Amino acid sequence: MHRRLHIMLVEDNPGDARLIREELRDPSVVHEIFHYRTLADAMQQLTAAQPPEIDVVLLDLSLPDGNGIDSVTRVRAVAPKMPIVVLTGLEDEGMAFRAVEEGVQDYLVKGEVSGSVLIHALRYAIERKRAEEGQRRGEEAERTAKFSEMFMGILGHDLRGPLHSITLSTGLLGRADDLPGRHSKTVKRIETAAQRMARMIEDLLDFTQARLGGGFSLKKELADAAEICQLVIDELELAFQGRSVELSVTGNVRGQWDRDRIVQVASNLITNALRYSPEGTGVHVTVRESNGHVHLDVHNEGPPIAEEAIGRLFDPFYHSGKASRGADKGLGLGLYITQQIVLAHGGSVDVRSVENDGTTFSVKLPLG
């Protein structure tokens, strides 16, 4: 430890306190000792509105107002994150075991402690406590993340029912012969919004399955990547009026894949290219076979993706930049789900984005 070490020494015996100070006269350790003769004085400092900066407590178990392990319990109650090293005049294995159970980081016997041992114990106590706190925070964060993911899955599942009713109702209204013209546009807007909600719900359910369900389950069948891409392009050119998508195919691009999932991959990548490229520019999709794999490349023009964003593109809920005007930004799950689907097929997905050459997402899928 290179910074000043702040030690709270709780010791009622002046001779023992002096010996500890002498043992800590190590030029390699810059330290400051806050010495208190009673547990009550130490507790008062630990609970003060502005307590002193303390790194570790060196606690005697034979205090006039303390009762062995009870002293540890009382300190832990007011400062649960504070590293504690206990001192005792007796070598008692039972006492040492109980002290460790109460959360102390080390147990030292007076008269058997050299300066180097004491310094090592203090350093070890601080580092061990930090490690324990880090692990605890990590476990809490993991539990919170899992709960959030489960909640999103349950929410997405439960929203399907009422959304299905909305979709059916707008469909019936849209086909009604006596619907006034001024209401037709309203029904159409509701229908479009319901479709967007349906896509978001499906993304949430896919995300939950990928995170909590151990990945995607696949129903493989013979599928044609060129046919899939053409189907997606035809649909998207209707949704993105005025934008063109060019498809180039080389070789036999048929393989054993989950067709619906590969449709999802192509749709996510091509939609992403249309959203994040300038109006009036085209998108080029290339599908080719090489060395037992099918390569699907989706290229769009425009400014490159920022270098700091490249590494986060496939993170869930991440948005890399500003979409083109009027584009539905979505939840930021499309690329994450795309990657998980490709990985489930034993493939890979990568991105290249450079100035004056646009952005290309490349998917590599095994044929079998």
Protein backbone atom coordinates (compact mmCIF):
# COMPACT_ATOMS: atom_id res chain seq x y z
CA MET A 1 0.00 0.00 0.00
CA HIS A 2 1.63 3.26 -1.12
CA ARG A 3 -0.64 5.81 0.57
CA ARG A 4 -0.74 6.58 4.29
CA LEU A 5 -2.23 3.74 6.33
CA HIS A 6 -4.79 4.88 8.93
CA ILE A 7 -4.98 2.47 11.87
CA MET A 8 -7.48 2.56 14.73
CA LEU A 9 -5.80 0.94 17.73
CA VAL A 10 -8.20 -0.01 20.55
CA GLU A 11 -5.92 -1.03 23.45
CA ASP A 12 -6.25 -0.17 27.14
CA ASN A 13 -2.76 -1.29 28.20
CA PRO A 14 -0.25 1.58 27.67
CA GLY A 15 2.67 -0.85 27.55
CA ASP A 16 1.08 -2.98 24.84
CA ALA A 17 0.11 0.11 22.88
CA ARG A 18 3.70 1.38 23.06
CA LEU A 19 5.06 -1.98 21.87
CA ILE A 20 2.66 -1.99 18.92
CA ARG A 21 3.78 1.51 17.97
CA GLU A 22 7.40 0.37 18.14
CA GLU A 23 6.72 -2.69 16.00
CA LEU A 24 5.10 -0.49 13.38
CA ARG A 25 8.22 1.70 13.04
CA ASP A 26 8.87 0.39 9.56
CA PRO A 27 10.18 3.04 7.14
CA SER A 28 8.40 1.27 4.26
CA VAL A 29 4.99 1.84 5.87
CA VAL A 30 3.73 5.41 6.15
CA HIS A 31 1.00 5.26 8.76
CA GLU A 32 -1.03 7.16 11.32
CA ILE A 33 -2.38 5.59 14.51
CA PHE A 34 -5.59 6.70 16.23
CA HIS A 35 -5.32 5.22 19.73
CA TYR A 36 -8.35 4.69 21.98
CA ARG A 37 -8.21 3.09 25.43
CA THR A 38 -11.84 1.95 25.61
CA LEU A 39 -14.30 0.37 23.23
CA ALA A 40 -16.79 3.14 23.99
CA ASP A 41 -14.35 5.83 22.77
CA ALA A 42 -13.64 3.88 19.59
CA MET A 43 -17.35 3.31 18.93
CA GLN A 44 -18.03 7.01 19.45
CA GLN A 45 -15.48 7.85 16.73
CA LEU A 46 -16.78 5.22 14.32
CA THR A 47 -20.34 6.53 14.65
CA ALA A 48 -19.45 10.24 14.60
CA ALA A 49 -20.97 12.50 11.99
CA GLN A 50 -17.48 12.97 10.55
CA PRO A 51 -15.48 9.90 11.60
CA PRO A 52 -11.71 9.81 11.10
CA GLU A 53 -10.46 8.10 7.95
CA ILE A 54 -9.77 4.54 9.09
CA ASP A 55 -8.40 1.68 6.96
CA VAL A 56 -8.30 -1.04 9.61
CA VAL A 57 -9.14 -1.58 13.29
CA LEU A 58 -6.58 -3.27 15.54
CA LEU A 59 -8.80 -4.46 18.40
CA ASP A 60 -7.78 -5.79 21.81
CA LEU A 61 -10.18 -8.43 23.13
CA SER A 62 -9.43 -7.66 26.80
CA LEU A 63 -10.88 -4.20 27.21
CA PRO A 64 -12.41 -2.89 30.43
CA ASP A 65 -15.73 -2.22 28.70
CA GLY A 66 -15.54 -5.10 26.22
CA ASN A 67 -16.16 -8.79 26.60
CA GLY A 68 -14.02 -10.81 24.18
CA ILE A 69 -15.81 -11.61 20.93
CA ASP A 70 -18.62 -9.26 21.94
CA SER A 71 -16.26 -6.37 21.17
CA VAL A 72 -15.95 -7.59 17.58
CA THR A 73 -19.72 -7.91 17.28
CA ARG A 74 -20.23 -4.36 18.49
CA VAL A 75 -17.67 -2.89 16.08
CA ARG A 76 -19.11 -4.90 13.18
CA ALA A 77 -22.60 -3.60 14.04
CA VAL A 78 -21.59 0.05 13.50
CA ALA A 79 -18.92 -0.47 10.82
CA PRO A 80 -19.76 -3.66 8.89
CA LYS A 81 -17.33 -2.88 6.06
CA MET A 82 -14.36 -2.14 8.31
CA PRO A 83 -11.46 -4.66 8.31
CA ILE A 84 -10.68 -5.88 11.83
CA VAL A 85 -7.55 -7.54 13.23
CA VAL A 86 -7.95 -8.76 16.81
CA LEU A 87 -5.28 -8.86 19.52
CA THR A 88 -5.32 -11.12 22.56
CA GLY A 89 -2.93 -12.06 25.34
CA LEU A 90 -3.92 -15.75 25.17
CA GLU A 91 -3.41 -18.27 22.40
CA ASP A 92 -6.91 -19.71 22.26
CA GLU A 93 -7.87 -21.61 19.08
CA GLY A 94 -11.54 -21.60 20.05
CA MET A 95 -11.50 -17.83 20.47
CA ALA A 96 -9.66 -17.44 17.16
CA PHE A 97 -12.25 -19.57 15.36
CA ARG A 98 -15.16 -17.59 16.83
CA ALA A 99 -13.45 -14.32 15.89
CA VAL A 100 -13.14 -15.46 12.27
CA GLU A 101 -16.78 -16.52 12.32
CA GLU A 102 -17.67 -12.98 13.38
CA GLY A 103 -15.88 -11.63 10.32
CA VAL A 104 -12.42 -10.58 11.53
CA GLN A 105 -9.65 -10.76 8.95
CA ASP A 106 -6.85 -11.93 11.30
CA TYR A 107 -6.17 -13.06 14.88
CA LEU A 108 -2.86 -12.15 16.57
CA VAL A 109 -1.40 -13.13 19.95
CA LYS A 110 0.42 -10.38 21.87
CA GLY A 111 4.09 -11.06 22.48
CA GLU A 112 4.32 -13.27 19.39
CA VAL A 113 3.84 -10.52 16.84
CA SER A 114 6.82 -8.99 15.09
CA GLY A 115 6.67 -5.79 13.09
CA SER A 116 6.70 -7.58 9.75
CA VAL A 117 3.93 -9.97 10.83
CA LEU A 118 1.81 -7.11 12.11
CA ILE A 119 2.25 -5.07 8.94
CA HIS A 120 1.46 -8.11 6.79
CA ALA A 121 -1.67 -8.82 8.86
CA LEU A 122 -2.92 -5.24 8.50
CA ARG A 123 -2.32 -5.17 4.76
CA TYR A 124 -3.89 -8.59 4.31
CA ALA A 125 -6.93 -7.58 6.37
CA ILE A 126 -7.58 -4.54 4.19
CA GLU A 127 -7.14 -6.39 0.89
CA ARG A 128 -9.22 -9.36 2.01
CA LYS A 129 -12.05 -7.11 3.15
CA ARG A 130 -11.96 -5.25 -0.16
CA ALA A 131 -12.09 -8.56 -2.01
CA GLU A 132 -15.05 -9.72 0.08
CA GLU A 133 -16.91 -6.46 -0.55
CA GLY A 134 -16.16 -6.66 -4.26
CA GLN A 135 -17.46 -10.22 -4.41
CA ARG A 136 -20.56 -9.25 -2.44
CA ARG A 137 -21.29 -6.33 -4.76
CA GLY A 138 -20.74 -8.58 -7.75
CA GLU A 139 -23.17 -11.18 -6.41
CA GLU A 140 -25.76 -8.51 -5.64
CA ALA A 141 -25.38 -7.05 -9.13
CA GLU A 142 -25.77 -10.52 -10.64
CA ARG A 143 -28.94 -11.19 -8.62
CA THR A 144 -30.35 -7.80 -9.61
CA ALA A 145 -29.55 -8.43 -13.27
CA LYS A 146 -31.20 -11.87 -13.22
CA PHE A 147 -34.29 -10.47 -11.51
CA SER A 148 -34.50 -7.69 -14.11
CA GLU A 149 -34.16 -10.18 -16.94
CA MET A 150 -36.83 -12.45 -15.45
CA PHE A 151 -39.10 -9.45 -14.96
CA MET A 152 -38.68 -8.40 -18.60
CA GLY A 153 -39.46 -11.94 -19.77
CA ILE A 154 -42.60 -12.14 -17.64
CA LEU A 155 -43.69 -8.65 -18.71
CA GLY A 156 -43.13 -9.45 -22.38
CA HIS A 157 -45.07 -12.69 -22.10
CA ASP A 158 -47.99 -11.08 -20.27
CA LEU A 159 -48.21 -8.18 -22.73
CA ARG A 160 -48.75 -10.55 -25.64
CA GLY A 161 -52.37 -11.21 -24.68
CA PRO A 162 -53.72 -7.65 -24.56
CA LEU A 163 -51.61 -6.68 -27.57
CA HIS A 164 -53.12 -9.55 -29.55
CA SER A 165 -56.58 -8.23 -28.69
CA ILE A 166 -55.61 -4.75 -29.89
CA THR A 167 -54.28 -6.17 -33.17
CA LEU A 168 -57.44 -8.22 -33.77
CA SER A 169 -59.68 -5.26 -32.97
CA THR A 170 -57.83 -2.86 -35.28
CA GLY A 171 -57.94 -5.50 -38.01
CA LEU A 172 -61.72 -5.79 -37.70
CA LEU A 173 -62.15 -2.01 -37.65
CA GLY A 174 -59.91 -1.62 -40.68
CA ARG A 175 -62.08 -4.01 -42.69
CA ALA A 176 -65.36 -2.39 -41.67
CA ASP A 177 -67.27 -0.86 -44.61
CA ASP A 178 -68.97 1.82 -42.52
CA LEU A 179 -65.81 3.23 -40.88
CA PRO A 180 -65.62 7.00 -41.53
CA GLY A 181 -62.56 8.04 -43.50
CA ARG A 182 -61.30 10.32 -40.75
CA HIS A 183 -61.09 7.31 -38.42
CA SER A 184 -59.29 5.03 -40.87
CA LYS A 185 -56.00 6.89 -40.37
CA THR A 186 -56.35 6.60 -36.61
CA VAL A 187 -56.95 2.85 -36.83
CA LYS A 188 -53.92 2.53 -39.13
CA ARG A 189 -51.73 4.39 -36.65
CA ILE A 190 -52.90 2.12 -33.84
CA GLU A 191 -52.16 -0.93 -36.00
CA THR A 192 -48.66 0.34 -36.84
CA ALA A 193 -47.94 1.11 -33.18
CA ALA A 194 -49.16 -2.36 -32.19
CA GLN A 195 -46.78 -3.92 -34.71
CA ARG A 196 -43.89 -1.94 -33.22
CA MET A 197 -44.88 -3.08 -29.74
CA ALA A 198 -45.05 -6.69 -30.95
CA ARG A 199 -41.49 -6.44 -32.28
CA MET A 200 -40.27 -5.01 -28.97
CA ILE A 201 -41.99 -7.77 -27.02
CA GLU A 202 -40.43 -10.44 -29.22
CA ASP A 203 -37.03 -8.82 -28.67
CA LEU A 204 -37.55 -8.85 -24.90
CA LEU A 205 -38.56 -12.52 -24.95
CA ASP A 206 -35.56 -13.40 -27.14
CA PHE A 207 -33.27 -11.46 -24.81
CA THR A 208 -34.63 -13.28 -21.76
CA GLN A 209 -34.28 -16.65 -23.47
CA ALA A 210 -30.70 -15.92 -24.48
CA ARG A 211 -29.67 -14.72 -20.99
CA LEU A 212 -31.64 -17.07 -18.75
CA GLY A 213 -32.47 -19.98 -21.04
CA GLY A 214 -28.91 -20.84 -22.04
CA GLY A 215 -29.22 -19.57 -25.62
CA PHE A 216 -31.63 -20.16 -28.47
CA SER A 217 -33.12 -23.54 -29.27
CA LEU A 218 -32.90 -24.15 -33.02
CA LYS A 219 -35.16 -26.02 -35.44
CA LYS A 220 -32.79 -26.64 -38.31
CA GLU A 221 -33.99 -27.31 -41.83
CA LEU A 222 -32.65 -26.81 -45.33
CA ALA A 223 -32.84 -23.08 -46.05
CA ASP A 224 -31.64 -20.78 -48.81
CA ALA A 225 -29.83 -17.64 -47.60
CA ALA A 226 -30.45 -15.82 -50.91
CA GLU A 227 -34.18 -16.51 -50.74
CA ILE A 228 -34.28 -15.35 -47.11
CA CYS A 229 -32.47 -12.09 -47.91
CA GLN A 230 -34.71 -11.36 -50.91
CA LEU A 231 -37.82 -11.90 -48.78
CA VAL A 232 -36.50 -9.50 -46.12
CA ILE A 233 -35.47 -6.92 -48.72
CA ASP A 234 -38.92 -6.96 -50.38
CA GLU A 235 -40.58 -6.32 -47.01
CA LEU A 236 -38.17 -3.58 -45.94
CA GLU A 237 -38.33 -1.66 -49.21
CA LEU A 238 -42.05 -1.23 -48.55
CA ALA A 239 -41.34 0.04 -45.02
CA PHE A 240 -38.46 2.33 -46.11
CA GLN A 241 -39.98 4.09 -49.10
CA GLY A 242 -37.39 5.62 -51.41
CA ARG A 243 -34.52 3.45 -50.16
CA SER A 244 -32.97 0.72 -52.31
CA VAL A 245 -31.31 -2.53 -51.25
CA GLU A 246 -29.16 -4.42 -53.75
CA LEU A 247 -28.59 -8.17 -53.40
CA SER A 248 -25.64 -10.09 -54.88
CA VAL A 249 -25.39 -13.89 -54.64
CA THR A 250 -22.43 -16.14 -55.45
CA GLY A 251 -22.39 -19.94 -55.25
CA ASN A 252 -24.63 -22.42 -53.48
CA VAL A 253 -25.86 -20.61 -50.36
CA ARG A 254 -28.17 -23.28 -48.94
CA GLY A 255 -27.55 -24.75 -45.51
CA GLN A 256 -29.07 -26.41 -42.46
CA TRP A 257 -30.28 -23.55 -40.29
CA ASP A 258 -33.26 -22.41 -38.28
CA ARG A 259 -34.93 -20.51 -41.11
CA ASP A 260 -37.00 -18.17 -38.96
CA ARG A 261 -33.95 -17.21 -36.93
CA ILE A 262 -31.86 -16.49 -40.03
CA VAL A 263 -34.72 -14.34 -41.33
CA GLN A 264 -34.43 -12.48 -38.02
CA VAL A 265 -30.66 -12.03 -38.49
CA ALA A 266 -31.04 -10.69 -42.04
CA SER A 267 -33.91 -8.42 -41.04
CA ASN A 268 -32.01 -6.97 -38.06
CA LEU A 269 -28.86 -6.26 -40.07
CA ILE A 270 -30.56 -4.81 -43.14
CA THR A 271 -32.95 -2.73 -41.02
CA ASN A 272 -29.99 -1.47 -39.02
CA ALA A 273 -28.18 -0.50 -42.25
CA LEU A 274 -31.21 1.43 -43.51
CA ARG A 275 -31.73 3.22 -40.20
CA TYR A 276 -28.14 4.33 -39.72
CA SER A 277 -27.24 5.38 -43.28
CA PRO A 278 -27.97 8.72 -44.96
CA GLU A 279 -31.20 9.23 -46.89
CA GLY A 280 -30.72 8.73 -50.60
CA THR A 281 -27.93 6.16 -50.23
CA GLY A 282 -28.24 2.47 -50.97
CA VAL A 283 -27.59 -0.69 -48.95
CA HIS A 284 -25.73 -3.61 -50.51
CA VAL A 285 -26.24 -7.21 -49.35
CA THR A 286 -23.79 -9.89 -50.48
CA VAL A 287 -24.35 -13.63 -49.96
CA ARG A 288 -21.63 -16.08 -50.99
CA GLU A 289 -20.40 -19.58 -50.25
CA SER A 290 -16.77 -20.26 -49.34
CA ASN A 291 -15.01 -23.22 -47.70
CA GLY A 292 -18.09 -24.82 -46.22
CA HIS A 293 -19.57 -21.57 -44.93
CA VAL A 294 -22.06 -19.00 -46.14
CA HIS A 295 -20.99 -15.37 -45.75
CA LEU A 296 -23.63 -12.69 -45.43
CA ASP A 297 -22.34 -9.11 -45.67
CA VAL A 298 -24.55 -6.05 -45.22
CA HIS A 299 -22.92 -2.77 -46.27
CA ASN A 300 -24.16 0.79 -45.94
CA GLU A 301 -22.63 4.18 -46.62
CA GLY A 302 -22.25 7.08 -44.24
CA PRO A 303 -19.97 8.22 -41.41
CA PRO A 304 -18.08 5.44 -39.61
CA ILE A 305 -19.14 4.13 -36.23
CA ALA A 306 -17.09 5.73 -33.46
CA GLU A 307 -14.14 3.57 -32.43
CA GLU A 308 -15.20 3.54 -28.77
CA ALA A 309 -18.64 2.25 -29.81
CA ILE A 310 -17.42 -0.69 -31.91
CA GLY A 311 -16.70 -2.87 -28.89
CA ARG A 312 -20.18 -2.26 -27.45
CA LEU A 313 -22.32 -2.69 -30.56
CA PHE A 314 -23.48 -6.17 -29.58
CA ASP A 315 -24.22 -5.25 -25.95
CA PRO A 316 -27.91 -5.40 -25.01
CA PHE A 317 -29.79 -2.07 -24.89
CA TYR A 318 -26.90 -0.21 -26.52
CA HIS A 319 -27.48 2.44 -29.21
CA SER A 320 -24.40 3.32 -31.25
CA GLY A 321 -25.60 6.63 -32.64
CA LYS A 322 -28.40 8.68 -34.11
CA ALA A 323 -30.77 6.88 -36.45
CA SER A 324 -32.04 8.53 -39.60
CA ARG A 325 -35.00 10.86 -39.20
CA GLY A 326 -38.28 9.12 -38.49
CA ALA A 327 -36.69 5.75 -37.80
CA ASP A 328 -37.95 3.67 -34.89
CA LYS A 329 -34.96 3.40 -32.56
CA GLY A 330 -36.21 0.29 -30.79
CA LEU A 331 -34.85 -1.19 -27.57
CA GLY A 332 -31.27 -1.65 -28.70
CA LEU A 333 -31.54 -5.45 -28.66
CA GLY A 334 -31.38 -6.17 -32.38
CA LEU A 335 -27.62 -6.63 -32.72
CA TYR A 336 -27.35 -8.52 -29.44
CA ILE A 337 -30.05 -10.99 -30.56
CA THR A 338 -28.42 -11.25 -34.00
CA GLN A 339 -25.11 -12.21 -32.44
CA GLN A 340 -26.70 -14.79 -30.13
CA ILE A 341 -28.58 -16.43 -33.03
CA VAL A 342 -25.40 -16.61 -35.12
CA LEU A 343 -23.40 -18.04 -32.20
CA ALA A 344 -26.11 -20.65 -31.61
CA HIS A 345 -25.56 -21.81 -35.21
CA GLY A 346 -21.82 -22.10 -34.60
CA GLY A 347 -21.08 -19.01 -36.65
CA SER A 348 -19.61 -15.57 -36.07
CA VAL A 349 -20.54 -11.95 -36.70
CA ASP A 350 -18.22 -8.99 -37.05
CA VAL A 351 -18.30 -5.36 -38.08
CA ARG A 352 -15.95 -3.12 -40.05
CA SER A 353 -16.51 0.64 -40.17
CA VAL A 354 -14.05 3.08 -41.76
CA GLU A 355 -14.06 6.61 -43.16
CA ASN A 356 -15.04 6.86 -46.86
CA ASP A 357 -15.96 3.17 -47.05
CA GLY A 358 -19.03 2.95 -44.82
CA THR A 359 -19.96 0.10 -42.48
CA THR A 360 -20.16 -3.63 -43.16
CA PHE A 361 -21.62 -6.27 -40.86
CA SER A 362 -20.33 -9.74 -41.77
CA VAL A 363 -21.99 -13.01 -40.73
CA LYS A 364 -20.31 -16.38 -41.21
CA LEU A 365 -22.52 -19.48 -40.96
CA PRO A 366 -21.51 -23.14 -41.34
CA LEU A 367 -23.50 -25.00 -44.00
CA GLY A 368 -24.34 -27.92 -41.70
